[in-house]
Amino acid sequence: MKPATFLIAAMLLGGCAHSLSGEEGLMKAIEGSVSLPKEAAPFGRYRRHYTWAKDDPDTVMAVYALGGKPKRLWLPEDEMPIVLDGGCTVVTFRYHLKSKLISDLRCN
């Protein structure tokens, strides 16, 4: 690849709003700031799913669900879990990038 072509590609990719490495850091930041409802299970028991909110590009939607190996996953919106259970087996919330605030935190 010619140096000029590489430089242009790097500049274009560097300007992307969301990157996979950025999403990993974002998940860590969210997990460091979220306080689960008192009825919820301990944080480490949840499988944590994240995606960008379609209605707001500066908002992350999160679904924490019990079951399966606990870990964090960044998924396309159409692969996010659809949950019909009640109680705190599932916790959902939204994280706003600009304000770094969590909203709509609730057990399902």
N, C-alpha and C. Protein backbone atom coordinates (compact mmCIF):
# COMPACT_ATOMS: atom_id res chain seq x y z
N MET A 1 0.86 -1.17 0.00
CA MET A 1 0.00 0.00 0.00
C MET A 1 0.90 1.23 0.00
N LYS A 2 0.58 2.21 -0.82
CA LYS A 2 1.36 3.44 -0.88
C LYS A 2 1.18 4.21 0.42
N PRO A 3 2.24 4.93 0.86
CA PRO A 3 2.13 5.68 2.12
C PRO A 3 0.96 6.64 2.15
N ALA A 4 0.69 7.33 1.05
CA ALA A 4 -0.42 8.30 1.05
C ALA A 4 -1.76 7.59 1.20
N THR A 5 -1.91 6.45 0.53
CA THR A 5 -3.15 5.68 0.64
C THR A 5 -3.34 5.18 2.06
N PHE A 6 -2.25 4.68 2.67
CA PHE A 6 -2.32 4.20 4.05
C PHE A 6 -2.70 5.34 4.99
N LEU A 7 -2.10 6.51 4.79
CA LEU A 7 -2.38 7.66 5.65
C LEU A 7 -3.85 8.07 5.56
N ILE A 8 -4.38 8.10 4.36
CA ILE A 8 -5.80 8.46 4.19
C ILE A 8 -6.69 7.42 4.87
N ALA A 9 -6.39 6.13 4.67
CA ALA A 9 -7.19 5.08 5.30
C ALA A 9 -7.12 5.19 6.82
N ALA A 10 -5.93 5.43 7.36
CA ALA A 10 -5.77 5.55 8.81
C ALA A 10 -6.54 6.75 9.34
N MET A 11 -6.52 7.86 8.60
CA MET A 11 -7.26 9.05 9.05
C MET A 11 -8.76 8.78 9.04
N LEU A 12 -9.24 8.11 8.01
CA LEU A 12 -10.67 7.82 7.93
C LEU A 12 -11.09 6.88 9.05
N LEU A 13 -10.31 5.83 9.29
CA LEU A 13 -10.66 4.89 10.34
C LEU A 13 -10.51 5.52 11.71
N GLY A 14 -9.55 6.38 11.89
CA GLY A 14 -9.35 7.05 13.17
C GLY A 14 -10.51 7.95 13.53
N GLY A 15 -11.24 8.41 12.54
CA GLY A 15 -12.37 9.30 12.79
C GLY A 15 -13.68 8.58 13.03
N CYS A 16 -13.68 7.26 12.98
CA CYS A 16 -14.91 6.51 13.21
C CYS A 16 -15.42 6.75 14.62
N ALA A 17 -16.72 6.93 14.76
CA ALA A 17 -17.31 7.23 16.06
C ALA A 17 -17.18 6.06 17.02
N HIS A 18 -17.29 4.85 16.53
CA HIS A 18 -17.28 3.68 17.40
C HIS A 18 -16.29 2.67 16.86
N SER A 19 -15.43 2.17 17.71
CA SER A 19 -14.49 1.13 17.30
C SER A 19 -14.57 0.00 18.30
N LEU A 20 -14.13 -1.18 17.89
CA LEU A 20 -14.21 -2.33 18.77
C LEU A 20 -13.37 -2.13 20.02
N SER A 21 -12.14 -1.59 19.88
CA SER A 21 -11.32 -1.35 21.08
C SER A 21 -11.97 -0.29 21.95
N GLY A 22 -12.61 0.70 21.32
CA GLY A 22 -13.32 1.72 22.09
C GLY A 22 -14.51 1.13 22.83
N GLU A 23 -15.16 0.17 22.22
CA GLU A 23 -16.31 -0.46 22.86
C GLU A 23 -15.87 -1.29 24.06
N GLU A 24 -14.70 -1.92 23.99
CA GLU A 24 -14.18 -2.68 25.13
C GLU A 24 -13.94 -1.74 26.31
N GLY A 25 -13.31 -0.62 26.05
CA GLY A 25 -13.08 0.37 27.10
C GLY A 25 -14.37 0.94 27.64
N LEU A 26 -15.33 1.13 26.76
CA LEU A 26 -16.63 1.65 27.17
C LEU A 26 -17.35 0.67 28.08
N MET A 27 -17.30 -0.62 27.75
CA MET A 27 -17.93 -1.63 28.61
C MET A 27 -17.30 -1.61 30.00
N LYS A 28 -15.98 -1.49 30.05
CA LYS A 28 -15.29 -1.42 31.35
C LYS A 28 -15.73 -0.19 32.13
N ALA A 29 -15.85 0.95 31.44
CA ALA A 29 -16.27 2.18 32.11
C ALA A 29 -17.69 2.06 32.65
N ILE A 30 -18.58 1.48 31.85
CA ILE A 30 -19.97 1.30 32.28
C ILE A 30 -20.01 0.40 33.50
N GLU A 31 -19.29 -0.71 33.44
CA GLU A 31 -19.31 -1.66 34.55
C GLU A 31 -18.70 -1.07 35.82
N GLY A 32 -17.82 -0.10 35.65
CA GLY A 32 -17.25 0.57 36.82
C GLY A 32 -18.17 1.60 37.43
N SER A 33 -19.21 1.99 36.69
CA SER A 33 -20.10 3.04 37.21
C SER A 33 -21.51 2.57 37.54
N VAL A 34 -21.90 1.40 37.09
CA VAL A 34 -23.28 0.95 37.33
C VAL A 34 -23.41 0.36 38.73
N SER A 35 -24.51 0.69 39.38
CA SER A 35 -24.89 0.07 40.66
C SER A 35 -26.20 -0.65 40.42
N LEU A 36 -26.18 -1.95 40.53
CA LEU A 36 -27.38 -2.74 40.27
C LEU A 36 -28.41 -2.53 41.36
N PRO A 37 -29.69 -2.76 41.03
CA PRO A 37 -30.74 -2.66 42.07
C PRO A 37 -30.44 -3.60 43.22
N LYS A 38 -30.89 -3.24 44.41
CA LYS A 38 -30.59 -4.06 45.59
C LYS A 38 -31.16 -5.47 45.48
N GLU A 39 -32.21 -5.66 44.67
CA GLU A 39 -32.82 -6.98 44.50
C GLU A 39 -32.01 -7.86 43.54
N ALA A 40 -31.07 -7.28 42.82
CA ALA A 40 -30.31 -8.01 41.79
C ALA A 40 -29.31 -8.97 42.43
N ALA A 41 -28.90 -9.94 41.63
CA ALA A 41 -27.84 -10.87 42.04
C ALA A 41 -26.51 -10.12 42.05
N PRO A 42 -25.47 -10.70 42.62
CA PRO A 42 -24.16 -10.06 42.56
C PRO A 42 -23.73 -9.84 41.10
N PHE A 43 -23.08 -8.71 40.85
CA PHE A 43 -22.67 -8.30 39.51
C PHE A 43 -21.96 -9.42 38.74
N GLY A 44 -21.05 -10.11 39.37
CA GLY A 44 -20.23 -11.13 38.72
C GLY A 44 -20.98 -12.35 38.22
N ARG A 45 -22.25 -12.47 38.54
CA ARG A 45 -23.04 -13.62 38.08
C ARG A 45 -23.72 -13.36 36.74
N TYR A 46 -23.73 -12.10 36.28
CA TYR A 46 -24.47 -11.74 35.07
C TYR A 46 -23.61 -11.86 33.81
N ARG A 47 -24.26 -12.30 32.73
CA ARG A 47 -23.71 -12.18 31.39
C ARG A 47 -24.17 -10.80 30.92
N ARG A 48 -23.20 -9.96 30.50
CA ARG A 48 -23.50 -8.55 30.24
C ARG A 48 -23.45 -8.27 28.74
N HIS A 49 -24.59 -7.86 28.18
CA HIS A 49 -24.74 -7.61 26.75
C HIS A 49 -24.88 -6.11 26.51
N TYR A 50 -24.18 -5.60 25.50
CA TYR A 50 -24.21 -4.18 25.18
C TYR A 50 -24.41 -3.99 23.68
N THR A 51 -25.06 -2.87 23.31
CA THR A 51 -25.21 -2.49 21.91
C THR A 51 -25.45 -0.99 21.84
N TRP A 52 -25.23 -0.41 20.66
CA TRP A 52 -25.55 1.00 20.45
C TRP A 52 -27.06 1.14 20.30
N ALA A 53 -27.63 2.17 20.92
CA ALA A 53 -29.07 2.43 20.81
C ALA A 53 -29.35 3.00 19.42
N LYS A 54 -30.32 2.44 18.73
CA LYS A 54 -30.67 2.93 17.39
C LYS A 54 -31.22 4.35 17.44
N ASP A 55 -31.94 4.69 18.51
CA ASP A 55 -32.58 5.99 18.59
C ASP A 55 -31.65 7.11 19.05
N ASP A 56 -30.42 6.77 19.48
CA ASP A 56 -29.48 7.78 19.94
C ASP A 56 -28.06 7.23 19.82
N PRO A 57 -27.27 7.72 18.86
CA PRO A 57 -25.94 7.17 18.63
C PRO A 57 -24.96 7.42 19.78
N ASP A 58 -25.33 8.23 20.75
CA ASP A 58 -24.48 8.48 21.91
C ASP A 58 -24.97 7.74 23.14
N THR A 59 -25.75 6.68 22.94
CA THR A 59 -26.31 5.92 24.05
C THR A 59 -26.07 4.43 23.83
N VAL A 60 -25.68 3.77 24.90
CA VAL A 60 -25.49 2.32 24.89
C VAL A 60 -26.65 1.68 25.63
N MET A 61 -27.22 0.63 25.06
CA MET A 61 -28.24 -0.15 25.74
C MET A 61 -27.57 -1.38 26.33
N ALA A 62 -27.96 -1.74 27.55
CA ALA A 62 -27.35 -2.88 28.22
C ALA A 62 -28.42 -3.83 28.74
N VAL A 63 -28.15 -5.12 28.63
CA VAL A 63 -29.00 -6.16 29.20
C VAL A 63 -28.07 -7.09 29.96
N TYR A 64 -28.26 -7.19 31.26
CA TYR A 64 -27.52 -8.12 32.10
C TYR A 64 -28.45 -9.28 32.41
N ALA A 65 -28.02 -10.50 32.12
CA ALA A 65 -28.89 -11.66 32.31
C ALA A 65 -28.15 -12.77 33.05
N LEU A 66 -28.85 -13.42 33.96
CA LEU A 66 -28.31 -14.59 34.65
C LEU A 66 -28.44 -15.79 33.71
N GLY A 67 -27.51 -16.70 33.80
CA GLY A 67 -27.52 -17.88 32.95
C GLY A 67 -26.36 -17.81 31.97
N GLY A 68 -25.75 -18.92 31.74
CA GLY A 68 -24.57 -18.93 30.87
C GLY A 68 -23.36 -18.43 31.64
N LYS A 69 -22.21 -18.52 30.99
CA LYS A 69 -20.97 -18.09 31.62
C LYS A 69 -20.97 -16.56 31.75
N PRO A 70 -20.73 -16.04 32.95
CA PRO A 70 -20.69 -14.58 33.11
C PRO A 70 -19.53 -13.98 32.31
N LYS A 71 -19.84 -13.02 31.46
CA LYS A 71 -18.84 -12.30 30.68
C LYS A 71 -19.51 -11.11 30.04
N ARG A 72 -18.72 -10.26 29.39
CA ARG A 72 -19.28 -9.11 28.69
C ARG A 72 -19.22 -9.35 27.19
N LEU A 73 -20.26 -8.90 26.50
CA LEU A 73 -20.37 -9.08 25.05
C LEU A 73 -20.86 -7.79 24.41
N TRP A 74 -20.25 -7.39 23.31
CA TRP A 74 -20.76 -6.29 22.50
C TRP A 74 -21.42 -6.93 21.29
N LEU A 75 -22.70 -6.66 21.07
CA LEU A 75 -23.46 -7.33 20.02
C LEU A 75 -24.16 -6.34 19.11
N PRO A 76 -24.44 -6.74 17.87
CA PRO A 76 -25.35 -5.95 17.05
C PRO A 76 -26.72 -5.96 17.72
N GLU A 77 -27.50 -4.91 17.52
CA GLU A 77 -28.79 -4.82 18.21
C GLU A 77 -29.68 -6.03 17.96
N ASP A 78 -29.67 -6.56 16.74
CA ASP A 78 -30.56 -7.69 16.43
C ASP A 78 -30.11 -8.99 17.09
N GLU A 79 -28.94 -9.00 17.75
CA GLU A 79 -28.49 -10.19 18.47
C GLU A 79 -28.62 -10.04 19.99
N MET A 80 -29.15 -8.91 20.43
CA MET A 80 -29.34 -8.71 21.87
C MET A 80 -30.41 -9.68 22.37
N PRO A 81 -30.27 -10.15 23.62
CA PRO A 81 -31.27 -11.07 24.15
C PRO A 81 -32.63 -10.41 24.28
N ILE A 82 -33.65 -11.16 23.96
CA ILE A 82 -35.03 -10.73 24.18
C ILE A 82 -35.49 -11.48 25.41
N VAL A 83 -35.88 -10.76 26.41
CA VAL A 83 -36.13 -11.37 27.71
C VAL A 83 -37.60 -11.24 28.07
N LEU A 84 -38.17 -12.37 28.46
CA LEU A 84 -39.57 -12.38 28.88
C LEU A 84 -39.70 -12.71 30.36
N ASP A 85 -38.57 -12.98 31.02
CA ASP A 85 -38.58 -13.28 32.46
C ASP A 85 -38.87 -12.04 33.27
N GLY A 86 -39.28 -12.27 34.49
CA GLY A 86 -39.48 -11.17 35.41
C GLY A 86 -38.42 -11.18 36.49
N GLY A 87 -38.51 -10.22 37.35
CA GLY A 87 -37.58 -10.14 38.47
C GLY A 87 -36.20 -9.69 38.04
N CYS A 88 -35.24 -9.91 38.92
CA CYS A 88 -33.87 -9.43 38.66
C CYS A 88 -32.98 -10.49 38.04
N THR A 89 -33.59 -11.50 37.39
CA THR A 89 -32.74 -12.39 36.60
C THR A 89 -32.21 -11.61 35.40
N VAL A 90 -32.88 -10.49 35.08
CA VAL A 90 -32.45 -9.61 33.99
C VAL A 90 -32.52 -8.17 34.48
N VAL A 91 -31.45 -7.42 34.22
CA VAL A 91 -31.38 -6.00 34.55
C VAL A 91 -31.09 -5.26 33.26
N THR A 92 -31.85 -4.20 32.97
CA THR A 92 -31.62 -3.41 31.77
C THR A 92 -31.39 -1.95 32.14
N PHE A 93 -30.63 -1.25 31.28
CA PHE A 93 -30.43 0.18 31.48
C PHE A 93 -29.83 0.79 30.22
N ARG A 94 -29.74 2.13 30.22
CA ARG A 94 -29.12 2.89 29.14
C ARG A 94 -27.98 3.70 29.73
N TYR A 95 -26.87 3.80 28.99
CA TYR A 95 -25.70 4.59 29.41
C TYR A 95 -25.50 5.68 28.37
N HIS A 96 -25.45 6.93 28.82
CA HIS A 96 -25.33 8.08 27.93
C HIS A 96 -23.88 8.55 27.90
N LEU A 97 -23.27 8.50 26.71
CA LEU A 97 -21.85 8.80 26.57
C LEU A 97 -21.50 10.22 26.99
N LYS A 98 -22.25 11.20 26.54
CA LYS A 98 -21.89 12.60 26.81
C LYS A 98 -21.95 12.92 28.29
N SER A 99 -22.99 12.51 28.96
CA SER A 99 -23.15 12.83 30.39
C SER A 99 -22.53 11.77 31.30
N LYS A 100 -22.22 10.59 30.73
CA LYS A 100 -21.71 9.45 31.50
C LYS A 100 -22.68 9.05 32.62
N LEU A 101 -23.96 9.19 32.32
CA LEU A 101 -24.99 8.84 33.29
C LEU A 101 -25.76 7.62 32.83
N ILE A 102 -26.28 6.89 33.79
CA ILE A 102 -27.09 5.71 33.53
C ILE A 102 -28.55 6.08 33.77
N SER A 103 -29.43 5.63 32.87
CA SER A 103 -30.86 5.89 33.04
C SER A 103 -31.63 4.60 32.80
N ASP A 104 -32.88 4.63 33.17
CA ASP A 104 -33.81 3.52 32.95
C ASP A 104 -33.30 2.20 33.53
N LEU A 105 -32.57 2.25 34.64
CA LEU A 105 -32.06 1.05 35.30
C LEU A 105 -33.20 0.35 36.01
N ARG A 106 -33.41 -0.92 35.66
CA ARG A 106 -34.51 -1.65 36.30
C ARG A 106 -34.34 -3.16 36.14
N CYS A 107 -34.94 -3.86 37.06
CA CYS A 107 -35.08 -5.30 36.90
C CYS A 107 -36.22 -5.51 35.92
N ASN A 108 -36.17 -6.59 35.17
CA ASN A 108 -37.18 -6.80 34.13
C ASN A 108 -38.56 -7.00 34.68
